[in-house]
Amino acid sequence: MVNRFIFKFHSAVALKISLVLISLGLFLLLNSCGKNEEFRFDTSYNKATSLDFLMAEYNYRSIFLLLYKLSTDTATLNNGSGFIDSAYVTGKGNNWIFTFDENKKVPDGSTRSGQIVVEWTAPLVDSGAVANVSFKNYTVNQKDITGSLIIRQLAYPALKYKVEIDSGVITKNSPEQSVVRYTGSYFLRRYAGAATTYNWGDDIFRIYSQAQGRGSEYDRFSFSTVDSLQWRFSCRYLSGGLGLLEMPDFEINQVEMEYPQLNECSGVLKVTYKIKPANGAIRKVSSQNLTIYF
């Protein structure tokens, strides 16, 4: 009888201990999931679409600087020919063509081919200038680039511009064909460099932009400037502000882009992935650095 009582007592204690241990394990598991939930999210598609946007933004925005350099190059304008960023530039009056030899290496490190065709009413630094830009067999790093740009001068001599990119398409041909679609508009205002009219190198612009398109995996994106960016023409990258890239097809549907500090020339951005639910507070998932590849 005593042995049976002792056995039942030990069995009951063992059962209680087991239940306590199971409960404690479940508590720790749930608590751990709550603290580390951000690691369950896959941000690889967000990263890929972000890089597609940054690549497209760079390629179309860089066209403005080419035309601006031509506008301040009095020798090329007067002679009807010259070289700008490794392109052979020819033209007269309102019509100009930038021609890149096959896979020509240019100062930003990329290789380019084909032509950029410009029809303008006047050089961009002249009052009331309007330029229409198109492409002919134009490639950057073996990516085919098509679409059109319209550049309008909004103010003179303060120099304000609106740049509109229409139906931009970038086709990646390696390792398999994929397409990035891009449209957008930029507002630029010069706030430094006015004293040296024909020296583009010391010009600095404030830039506000909006854009939308689809990444190479057909994922939609839209971009807007949150805090105005700076474009120093001595550097090919933007700096000193914030942008927001939204991706409505993803659960992680926001990417905050923090550009490098003012006076820093770098193609590295800090991006923060976030979830913005239909109802509720915006939630941070993770952060990482992205390098612009064009």
C-alpha atoms as a PDB file:
ATOM      1  CA  MET A   1       0.000   0.000   0.000  1.00  0.00           C
ATOM      2  CA  VAL A   2       2.789   2.432   0.922  1.00  0.00           C
ATOM      3  CA  ASN A   3       4.699   1.633  -2.272  1.00  0.00           C
ATOM      4  CA  ARG A   4       1.571   2.235  -4.369  1.00  0.00           C
ATOM      5  CA  PHE A   5       1.058   5.626  -2.712  1.00  0.00           C
ATOM      6  CA  ILE A   6       4.674   6.607  -3.290  1.00  0.00           C
ATOM      7  CA  PHE A   7       4.402   5.554  -6.957  1.00  0.00           C
ATOM      8  CA  LYS A   8       1.254   7.646  -7.487  1.00  0.00           C
ATOM      9  CA  PHE A   9       2.870  10.597  -5.726  1.00  0.00           C
ATOM     10  CA  HIS A  10       5.959  10.474  -7.929  1.00  0.00           C
ATOM     11  CA  SER A  11       3.826  10.036 -11.056  1.00  0.00           C
ATOM     12  CA  ALA A  12       1.788  13.112 -10.206  1.00  0.00           C
ATOM     13  CA  VAL A  13       4.909  15.170  -9.530  1.00  0.00           C
ATOM     14  CA  ALA A  14       6.499  14.020 -12.778  1.00  0.00           C
ATOM     15  CA  LEU A  15       3.354  14.939 -14.719  1.00  0.00           C
ATOM     16  CA  LYS A  16       3.267  18.409 -13.188  1.00  0.00           C
ATOM     17  CA  ILE A  17       6.952  18.959 -13.937  1.00  0.00           C
ATOM     18  CA  SER A  18       6.407  17.844 -17.548  1.00  0.00           C
ATOM     19  CA  LEU A  19       3.483  20.216 -17.962  1.00  0.00           C
ATOM     20  CA  VAL A  20       5.516  23.076 -16.491  1.00  0.00           C
ATOM     21  CA  LEU A  21       8.435  22.352 -18.809  1.00  0.00           C
ATOM     22  CA  ILE A  22       6.147  22.168 -21.880  1.00  0.00           C
ATOM     23  CA  SER A  23       4.472  25.450 -20.926  1.00  0.00           C
ATOM     24  CA  LEU A  24       7.838  27.106 -20.368  1.00  0.00           C
ATOM     25  CA  GLY A  25       9.103  25.833 -23.718  1.00  0.00           C
ATOM     26  CA  LEU A  26       6.045  27.164 -25.548  1.00  0.00           C
ATOM     27  CA  PHE A  27       6.415  30.519 -23.787  1.00  0.00           C
ATOM     28  CA  LEU A  28      10.072  30.813 -24.765  1.00  0.00           C
ATOM     29  CA  LEU A  29       9.326  29.751 -28.339  1.00  0.00           C
ATOM     30  CA  LEU A  30       6.525  32.277 -28.795  1.00  0.00           C
ATOM     31  CA  ASN A  31       8.518  35.018 -27.124  1.00  0.00           C
ATOM     32  CA  SER A  32      11.543  34.272 -29.295  1.00  0.00           C
ATOM     33  CA  CYS A  33       9.424  34.405 -32.460  1.00  0.00           C
ATOM     34  CA  GLY A  34       8.047  37.751 -31.424  1.00  0.00           C
ATOM     35  CA  LYS A  35      11.494  39.270 -30.899  1.00  0.00           C
ATOM     36  CA  ASN A  36      13.034  37.832 -34.056  1.00  0.00           C
ATOM     37  CA  GLU A  37      10.058  37.935 -36.354  1.00  0.00           C
ATOM     38  CA  GLU A  38      11.805  40.264 -38.785  1.00  0.00           C
ATOM     39  CA  PHE A  39      14.191  37.478 -39.771  1.00  0.00           C
ATOM     40  CA  ARG A  40      11.319  35.432 -41.201  1.00  0.00           C
ATOM     41  CA  PHE A  41      10.796  37.935 -44.027  1.00  0.00           C
ATOM     42  CA  ASP A  42      12.433  37.479 -47.418  1.00  0.00           C
ATOM     43  CA  THR A  43      13.535  40.867 -48.769  1.00  0.00           C
ATOM     44  CA  SER A  44      15.329  39.534 -51.861  1.00  0.00           C
ATOM     45  CA  TYR A  45      12.536  40.620 -54.224  1.00  0.00           C
ATOM     46  CA  ASN A  46      12.419  44.079 -52.644  1.00  0.00           C
ATOM     47  CA  LYS A  47      16.174  44.362 -53.095  1.00  0.00           C
ATOM     48  CA  ALA A  48      16.010  43.301 -56.753  1.00  0.00           C
ATOM     49  CA  THR A  49      13.241  45.791 -57.552  1.00  0.00           C
ATOM     50  CA  SER A  50      15.061  48.565 -55.663  1.00  0.00           C
ATOM     51  CA  LEU A  51      18.206  47.938 -57.714  1.00  0.00           C
ATOM     52  CA  ASP A  52      16.157  47.966 -60.929  1.00  0.00           C
ATOM     53  CA  PHE A  53      14.735  51.355 -59.978  1.00  0.00           C
ATOM     54  CA  LEU A  54      18.134  52.808 -59.050  1.00  0.00           C
ATOM     55  CA  MET A  55      19.660  51.562 -62.299  1.00  0.00           C
ATOM     56  CA  ALA A  56      16.873  53.060 -64.404  1.00  0.00           C
ATOM     57  CA  GLU A  57      16.889  56.338 -62.478  1.00  0.00           C
ATOM     58  CA  TYR A  58      20.621  56.766 -63.010  1.00  0.00           C
ATOM     59  CA  ASN A  59      20.569  55.980 -66.728  1.00  0.00           C
ATOM     60  CA  TYR A  60      17.784  58.406 -67.625  1.00  0.00           C
ATOM     61  CA  ARG A  61      18.893  61.180 -65.271  1.00  0.00           C
ATOM     62  CA  SER A  62      22.442  61.078 -66.660  1.00  0.00           C
ATOM     63  CA  ILE A  63      21.098  62.196 -70.056  1.00  0.00           C
ATOM     64  CA  PHE A  64      20.335  65.629 -68.603  1.00  0.00           C
ATOM     65  CA  LEU A  65      23.965  66.112 -67.587  1.00  0.00           C
ATOM     66  CA  LEU A  66      25.206  65.205 -71.078  1.00  0.00           C
ATOM     67  CA  LEU A  67      23.013  67.913 -72.605  1.00  0.00           C
ATOM     68  CA  TYR A  68      24.005  70.367 -69.905  1.00  0.00           C
ATOM     69  CA  LYS A  69      27.684  69.756 -70.655  1.00  0.00           C
ATOM     70  CA  LEU A  70      27.061  70.346 -74.352  1.00  0.00           C
ATOM     71  CA  SER A  71      25.188  73.545 -73.494  1.00  0.00           C
ATOM     72  CA  THR A  72      28.277  74.936 -71.737  1.00  0.00           C
ATOM     73  CA  ASP A  73      30.819  73.676 -74.303  1.00  0.00           C
ATOM     74  CA  THR A  74      31.189  76.721 -76.552  1.00  0.00           C
ATOM     75  CA  ALA A  75      33.944  75.109 -78.626  1.00  0.00           C
ATOM     76  CA  THR A  76      31.738  72.164 -79.642  1.00  0.00           C
ATOM     77  CA  LEU A  77      28.734  74.410 -80.226  1.00  0.00           C
ATOM     78  CA  ASN A  78      30.747  76.753 -82.462  1.00  0.00           C
ATOM     79  CA  ASN A  79      32.680  74.081 -84.351  1.00  0.00           C
ATOM     80  CA  GLY A  80      29.782  71.665 -84.790  1.00  0.00           C
ATOM     81  CA  SER A  81      31.738  68.731 -83.367  1.00  0.00           C
ATOM     82  CA  GLY A  82      33.643  67.617 -80.311  1.00  0.00           C
ATOM     83  CA  PHE A  83      33.925  64.965 -77.603  1.00  0.00           C
ATOM     84  CA  ILE A  84      31.844  64.843 -74.404  1.00  0.00           C
ATOM     85  CA  ASP A  85      32.146  61.890 -71.999  1.00  0.00           C
ATOM     86  CA  SER A  86      33.778  59.789 -74.752  1.00  0.00           C
ATOM     87  CA  ALA A  87      30.901  60.453 -77.153  1.00  0.00           C
ATOM     88  CA  TYR A  88      31.564  62.078 -80.508  1.00  0.00           C
ATOM     89  CA  VAL A  89      29.122  64.989 -80.664  1.00  0.00           C
ATOM     90  CA  THR A  90      28.079  66.461 -83.997  1.00  0.00           C
ATOM     91  CA  GLY A  91      25.420  68.922 -84.973  1.00  0.00           C
ATOM     92  CA  LYS A  92      24.373  72.366 -85.936  1.00  0.00           C
ATOM     93  CA  GLY A  93      21.758  74.727 -84.607  1.00  0.00           C
ATOM     94  CA  ASN A  94      18.836  72.783 -83.165  1.00  0.00           C
ATOM     95  CA  ASN A  95      19.948  69.218 -83.936  1.00  0.00           C
ATOM     96  CA  TRP A  96      22.743  67.324 -82.186  1.00  0.00           C
ATOM     97  CA  ILE A  97      23.804  63.679 -81.941  1.00  0.00           C
ATOM     98  CA  PHE A  98      25.944  61.940 -79.315  1.00  0.00           C
ATOM     99  CA  THR A  99      27.569  58.872 -80.905  1.00  0.00           C
ATOM    100  CA  PHE A 100      29.276  56.160 -78.841  1.00  0.00           C
ATOM    101  CA  ASP A 101      31.469  53.595 -80.559  1.00  0.00           C
ATOM    102  CA  GLU A 102      30.659  49.944 -79.925  1.00  0.00           C
ATOM    103  CA  ASN A 103      30.979  49.280 -76.166  1.00  0.00           C
ATOM    104  CA  LYS A 104      32.833  52.538 -75.628  1.00  0.00           C
ATOM    105  CA  LYS A 105      34.219  52.973 -72.119  1.00  0.00           C
ATOM    106  CA  VAL A 106      33.009  56.257 -70.596  1.00  0.00           C
ATOM    107  CA  PRO A 107      34.126  58.212 -67.492  1.00  0.00           C
ATOM    108  CA  ASP A 108      31.493  56.736 -65.151  1.00  0.00           C
ATOM    109  CA  GLY A 109      32.926  53.264 -65.748  1.00  0.00           C
ATOM    110  CA  SER A 110      30.137  51.939 -67.954  1.00  0.00           C
ATOM    111  CA  THR A 111      30.343  50.890 -71.598  1.00  0.00           C
ATOM    112  CA  ARG A 112      28.001  52.523 -74.106  1.00  0.00           C
ATOM    113  CA  SER A 113      27.030  52.090 -77.728  1.00  0.00           C
ATOM    114  CA  GLY A 114      24.683  53.815 -80.150  1.00  0.00           C
ATOM    115  CA  GLN A 115      23.305  57.319 -80.322  1.00  0.00           C
ATOM    116  CA  ILE A 116      21.477  59.915 -78.269  1.00  0.00           C
ATOM    117  CA  VAL A 117      19.539  62.228 -80.572  1.00  0.00           C
ATOM    118  CA  VAL A 118      18.771  65.783 -79.427  1.00  0.00           C
ATOM    119  CA  GLU A 119      16.479  68.399 -80.904  1.00  0.00           C
ATOM    120  CA  TRP A 120      16.362  71.625 -78.927  1.00  0.00           C
ATOM    121  CA  THR A 121      15.275  75.209 -79.298  1.00  0.00           C
ATOM    122  CA  ALA A 122      18.486  76.430 -77.649  1.00  0.00           C
ATOM    123  CA  PRO A 123      21.258  75.192 -75.330  1.00  0.00           C
ATOM    124  CA  LEU A 124      19.881  74.440 -71.864  1.00  0.00           C
ATOM    125  CA  VAL A 125      21.622  77.433 -70.282  1.00  0.00           C
ATOM    126  CA  ASP A 126      19.852  79.836 -72.661  1.00  0.00           C
ATOM    127  CA  SER A 127      16.499  81.409 -71.858  1.00  0.00           C
ATOM    128  CA  GLY A 128      13.400  79.352 -72.657  1.00  0.00           C
ATOM    129  CA  ALA A 129      15.258  76.228 -73.776  1.00  0.00           C
ATOM    130  CA  VAL A 130      13.288  73.076 -74.579  1.00  0.00           C
ATOM    131  CA  ALA A 131      14.960  69.822 -75.619  1.00  0.00           C
ATOM    132  CA  ASN A 132      13.543  66.578 -76.973  1.00  0.00           C
ATOM    133  CA  VAL A 133      15.725  63.501 -76.607  1.00  0.00           C
ATOM    134  CA  SER A 134      15.412  60.072 -78.225  1.00  0.00           C
ATOM    135  CA  PHE A 135      17.673  57.034 -78.625  1.00  0.00           C
ATOM    136  CA  LYS A 136      18.971  55.054 -81.582  1.00  0.00           C
ATOM    137  CA  ASN A 137      20.444  51.611 -80.840  1.00  0.00           C
ATOM    138  CA  TYR A 138      21.587  53.022 -77.498  1.00  0.00           C
ATOM    139  CA  THR A 139      22.977  50.633 -74.873  1.00  0.00           C
ATOM    140  CA  VAL A 140      24.632  50.945 -71.458  1.00  0.00           C
ATOM    141  CA  ASN A 141      26.526  47.877 -70.232  1.00  0.00           C
ATOM    142  CA  GLN A 142      24.826  45.798 -72.944  1.00  0.00           C
ATOM    143  CA  LYS A 143      21.363  46.920 -71.791  1.00  0.00           C
ATOM    144  CA  ASP A 144      19.132  48.346 -74.524  1.00  0.00           C
ATOM    145  CA  ILE A 145      17.644  51.705 -73.547  1.00  0.00           C
ATOM    146  CA  THR A 146      14.633  53.238 -75.284  1.00  0.00           C
ATOM    147  CA  GLY A 147      12.021  55.895 -74.561  1.00  0.00           C
ATOM    148  CA  SER A 148      12.119  59.670 -74.782  1.00  0.00           C
ATOM    149  CA  LEU A 149      12.843  62.702 -72.617  1.00  0.00           C
ATOM    150  CA  ILE A 150      11.576  66.260 -72.674  1.00  0.00           C
ATOM    151  CA  ILE A 151      13.608  68.897 -70.836  1.00  0.00           C
ATOM    152  CA  ARG A 152      12.013  72.275 -70.221  1.00  0.00           C
ATOM    153  CA  GLN A 153      13.660  75.289 -68.674  1.00  0.00           C
ATOM    154  CA  LEU A 154      11.245  76.783 -66.150  1.00  0.00           C
ATOM    155  CA  ALA A 155      13.232  79.822 -64.976  1.00  0.00           C
ATOM    156  CA  TYR A 156      16.102  81.979 -66.205  1.00  0.00           C
ATOM    157  CA  PRO A 157      18.755  82.996 -65.203  1.00  0.00           C
ATOM    158  CA  ALA A 158      18.152  81.107 -61.935  1.00  0.00           C
ATOM    159  CA  LEU A 159      17.988  77.909 -64.010  1.00  0.00           C
ATOM    160  CA  LYS A 160      15.133  75.643 -63.067  1.00  0.00           C
ATOM    161  CA  TYR A 161      14.199  72.632 -65.166  1.00  0.00           C
ATOM    162  CA  LYS A 162      11.603  69.939 -65.511  1.00  0.00           C
ATOM    163  CA  VAL A 163      12.718  66.641 -67.002  1.00  0.00           C
ATOM    164  CA  GLU A 164      10.061  64.156 -68.093  1.00  0.00           C
ATOM    165  CA  ILE A 165      10.881  60.556 -68.995  1.00  0.00           C
ATOM    166  CA  ASP A 166       8.224  58.916 -71.142  1.00  0.00           C
ATOM    167  CA  SER A 167       7.885  55.185 -71.809  1.00  0.00           C
ATOM    168  CA  GLY A 168      11.390  54.319 -70.686  1.00  0.00           C
ATOM    169  CA  VAL A 169      12.309  50.676 -71.245  1.00  0.00           C
ATOM    170  CA  ILE A 170      15.596  49.028 -70.299  1.00  0.00           C
ATOM    171  CA  THR A 171      16.114  45.519 -71.646  1.00  0.00           C
ATOM    172  CA  LYS A 172      18.670  43.337 -69.912  1.00  0.00           C
ATOM    173  CA  ASN A 173      20.055  40.793 -72.363  1.00  0.00           C
ATOM    174  CA  SER A 174      22.189  38.712 -69.990  1.00  0.00           C
ATOM    175  CA  PRO A 175      21.896  36.050 -68.671  1.00  0.00           C
ATOM    176  CA  GLU A 176      18.298  36.044 -69.927  1.00  0.00           C
ATOM    177  CA  GLN A 177      16.192  38.805 -71.363  1.00  0.00           C
ATOM    178  CA  SER A 178      14.230  40.868 -68.830  1.00  0.00           C
ATOM    179  CA  VAL A 179      12.677  44.302 -68.978  1.00  0.00           C
ATOM    180  CA  VAL A 180      12.530  47.264 -66.588  1.00  0.00           C
ATOM    181  CA  ARG A 181       9.902  49.916 -67.335  1.00  0.00           C
ATOM    182  CA  TYR A 182      10.315  53.472 -66.099  1.00  0.00           C
ATOM    183  CA  THR A 183       8.540  56.806 -66.364  1.00  0.00           C
ATOM    184  CA  GLY A 184       9.026  59.841 -64.185  1.00  0.00           C
ATOM    185  CA  SER A 185       9.616  63.538 -63.766  1.00  0.00           C
ATOM    186  CA  TYR A 186      12.358  65.595 -62.113  1.00  0.00           C
ATOM    187  CA  PHE A 187      12.415  69.188 -60.971  1.00  0.00           C
ATOM    188  CA  LEU A 188      15.887  70.697 -60.753  1.00  0.00           C
ATOM    189  CA  ARG A 189      16.922  74.067 -59.330  1.00  0.00           C
ATOM    190  CA  ARG A 190      20.495  75.344 -59.451  1.00  0.00           C
ATOM    191  CA  TYR A 191      21.679  76.829 -56.178  1.00  0.00           C
ATOM    192  CA  ALA A 192      25.464  76.932 -56.739  1.00  0.00           C
ATOM    193  CA  GLY A 193      27.697  77.601 -59.711  1.00  0.00           C
ATOM    194  CA  ALA A 194      25.829  80.530 -61.263  1.00  0.00           C
ATOM    195  CA  ALA A 195      28.927  82.739 -61.186  1.00  0.00           C
ATOM    196  CA  THR A 196      30.729  80.461 -63.668  1.00  0.00           C
ATOM    197  CA  THR A 197      28.208  80.170 -66.488  1.00  0.00           C
ATOM    198  CA  TYR A 198      30.304  77.975 -68.766  1.00  0.00           C
ATOM    199  CA  ASN A 199      31.873  75.768 -66.103  1.00  0.00           C
ATOM    200  CA  TRP A 200      29.437  72.946 -65.383  1.00  0.00           C
ATOM    201  CA  GLY A 201      31.767  71.215 -62.894  1.00  0.00           C
ATOM    202  CA  ASP A 202      30.936  73.465 -59.935  1.00  0.00           C
ATOM    203  CA  ASP A 203      27.159  73.489 -60.483  1.00  0.00           C
ATOM    204  CA  ILE A 204      24.946  72.037 -57.769  1.00  0.00           C
ATOM    205  CA  PHE A 205      21.236  71.394 -58.166  1.00  0.00           C
ATOM    206  CA  ARG A 206      18.455  70.531 -55.769  1.00  0.00           C
ATOM    207  CA  ILE A 207      16.346  67.774 -57.240  1.00  0.00           C
ATOM    208  CA  TYR A 208      12.822  66.537 -56.524  1.00  0.00           C
ATOM    209  CA  SER A 209      11.495  63.537 -58.386  1.00  0.00           C
ATOM    210  CA  GLN A 210       8.595  61.180 -58.855  1.00  0.00           C
ATOM    211  CA  ALA A 211       8.737  57.962 -60.824  1.00  0.00           C
ATOM    212  CA  GLN A 212       6.927  54.730 -61.396  1.00  0.00           C
ATOM    213  CA  GLY A 213       7.425  51.540 -63.338  1.00  0.00           C
ATOM    214  CA  ARG A 214       7.951  47.811 -63.128  1.00  0.00           C
ATOM    215  CA  GLY A 215      11.018  45.844 -62.180  1.00  0.00           C
ATOM    216  CA  SER A 216      12.492  43.013 -64.209  1.00  0.00           C
ATOM    217  CA  GLU A 217      10.178  40.549 -62.425  1.00  0.00           C
ATOM    218  CA  TYR A 218       7.115  42.661 -63.389  1.00  0.00           C
ATOM    219  CA  ASP A 219       6.788  44.031 -59.862  1.00  0.00           C
ATOM    220  CA  ARG A 220       5.356  47.534 -59.692  1.00  0.00           C
ATOM    221  CA  PHE A 221       7.135  50.388 -57.944  1.00  0.00           C
ATOM    222  CA  SER A 222       6.626  54.102 -57.379  1.00  0.00           C
ATOM    223  CA  PHE A 223       9.163  56.572 -56.038  1.00  0.00           C
ATOM    224  CA  SER A 224       8.930  60.033 -54.521  1.00  0.00           C
ATOM    225  CA  THR A 225      11.443  62.376 -52.937  1.00  0.00           C
ATOM    226  CA  VAL A 226      10.764  62.796 -49.218  1.00  0.00           C
ATOM    227  CA  ASP A 227      13.600  65.214 -48.470  1.00  0.00           C
ATOM    228  CA  SER A 228      15.137  67.089 -51.412  1.00  0.00           C
ATOM    229  CA  LEU A 229      18.243  65.507 -52.901  1.00  0.00           C
ATOM    230  CA  GLN A 230      21.414  67.237 -54.017  1.00  0.00           C
ATOM    231  CA  TRP A 231      23.118  66.662 -57.362  1.00  0.00           C
ATOM    232  CA  ARG A 232      26.647  68.004 -57.564  1.00  0.00           C
ATOM    233  CA  PHE A 233      27.670  67.774 -61.188  1.00  0.00           C
ATOM    234  CA  SER A 234      31.196  66.817 -60.161  1.00  0.00           C
ATOM    235  CA  CYS A 235      29.638  63.538 -58.903  1.00  0.00           C
ATOM    236  CA  ARG A 236      27.367  61.166 -60.796  1.00  0.00           C
ATOM    237  CA  TYR A 237      25.414  60.166 -57.679  1.00  0.00           C
ATOM    238  CA  LEU A 238      22.713  61.951 -55.673  1.00  0.00           C
ATOM    239  CA  SER A 239      23.249  62.783 -52.018  1.00  0.00           C
ATOM    240  CA  GLY A 240      21.882  64.445 -48.919  1.00  0.00           C
ATOM    241  CA  GLY A 241      18.237  63.421 -48.723  1.00  0.00           C
ATOM    242  CA  LEU A 242      15.564  60.731 -48.446  1.00  0.00           C
ATOM    243  CA  GLY A 243      13.393  58.906 -50.925  1.00  0.00           C
ATOM    244  CA  LEU A 244      10.519  56.456 -50.582  1.00  0.00           C
ATOM    245  CA  LEU A 245      10.047  53.508 -52.922  1.00  0.00           C
ATOM    246  CA  GLU A 246       6.657  51.805 -52.638  1.00  0.00           C
ATOM    247  CA  MET A 247       5.941  48.297 -53.925  1.00  0.00           C
ATOM    248  CA  PRO A 248       2.207  47.545 -53.759  1.00  0.00           C
ATOM    249  CA  ASP A 249       2.562  43.907 -54.878  1.00  0.00           C
ATOM    250  CA  PHE A 250       4.706  42.907 -51.882  1.00  0.00           C
ATOM    251  CA  GLU A 251       3.890  42.312 -48.232  1.00  0.00           C
ATOM    252  CA  ILE A 252       6.988  44.394 -47.489  1.00  0.00           C
ATOM    253  CA  ASN A 253       5.660  47.328 -49.451  1.00  0.00           C
ATOM    254  CA  GLN A 254       7.908  50.269 -48.545  1.00  0.00           C
ATOM    255  CA  VAL A 255      11.624  50.910 -48.947  1.00  0.00           C
ATOM    256  CA  GLU A 256      13.021  54.057 -47.352  1.00  0.00           C
ATOM    257  CA  MET A 257      16.168  55.197 -49.181  1.00  0.00           C
ATOM    258  CA  GLU A 258      18.717  57.235 -47.279  1.00  0.00           C
ATOM    259  CA  TYR A 259      21.216  58.793 -49.673  1.00  0.00           C
ATOM    260  CA  PRO A 260      24.863  59.539 -48.752  1.00  0.00           C
ATOM    261  CA  GLN A 261      25.722  62.655 -46.784  1.00  0.00           C
ATOM    262  CA  LEU A 262      26.122  65.997 -48.534  1.00  0.00           C
ATOM    263  CA  ASN A 263      29.514  66.379 -50.210  1.00  0.00           C
ATOM    264  CA  GLU A 264      29.972  62.597 -50.194  1.00  0.00           C
ATOM    265  CA  CYS A 265      30.257  60.986 -53.632  1.00  0.00           C
ATOM    266  CA  SER A 266      29.097  57.412 -53.199  1.00  0.00           C
ATOM    267  CA  GLY A 267      26.803  54.963 -54.934  1.00  0.00           C
ATOM    268  CA  VAL A 268      25.927  53.272 -51.643  1.00  0.00           C
ATOM    269  CA  LEU A 269      22.501  53.905 -50.107  1.00  0.00           C
ATOM    270  CA  LYS A 270      21.079  52.737 -46.811  1.00  0.00           C
ATOM    271  CA  VAL A 271      17.661  51.197 -47.355  1.00  0.00           C
ATOM    272  CA  THR A 272      15.103  50.256 -44.713  1.00  0.00           C
ATOM    273  CA  TYR A 273      12.387  47.756 -45.563  1.00  0.00           C
ATOM    274  CA  LYS A 274       8.989  48.408 -43.990  1.00  0.00           C
ATOM    275  CA  ILE A 275       5.466  47.052 -43.911  1.00  0.00           C
ATOM    276  CA  LYS A 276       2.620  49.532 -44.193  1.00  0.00           C
ATOM    277  CA  PRO A 277      -0.637  47.682 -43.487  1.00  0.00           C
ATOM    278  CA  ALA A 278      -4.024  48.916 -44.632  1.00  0.00           C
ATOM    279  CA  ASN A 279      -4.794  49.627 -40.981  1.00  0.00           C
ATOM    280  CA  GLY A 280      -2.167  50.004 -38.319  1.00  0.00           C
ATOM    281  CA  ALA A 281       1.274  51.400 -37.733  1.00  0.00           C
ATOM    282  CA  ILE A 282       4.163  51.144 -40.202  1.00  0.00           C
ATOM    283  CA  ARG A 283       6.559  48.444 -39.096  1.00  0.00           C
ATOM    284  CA  LYS A 284      10.297  48.210 -39.792  1.00  0.00           C
ATOM    285  CA  VAL A 285      11.531  44.837 -41.031  1.00  0.00           C
ATOM    286  CA  SER A 286      15.266  45.273 -41.654  1.00  0.00           C
ATOM    287  CA  SER A 287      17.956  47.561 -43.121  1.00  0.00           C
ATOM    288  CA  GLN A 288      20.904  47.068 -45.451  1.00  0.00           C
ATOM    289  CA  ASN A 289      23.210  48.960 -47.818  1.00  0.00           C
ATOM    290  CA  LEU A 290      22.654  48.842 -51.584  1.00  0.00           C
ATOM    291  CA  THR A 291      25.178  49.791 -54.237  1.00  0.00           C
ATOM    292  CA  ILE A 292      23.916  51.314 -57.493  1.00  0.00           C
ATOM    293  CA  TYR A 293      24.889  49.300 -60.562  1.00  0.00           C
ATOM    294  CA  PHE A 294      24.107  50.837 -63.923  1.00  0.00           C
END
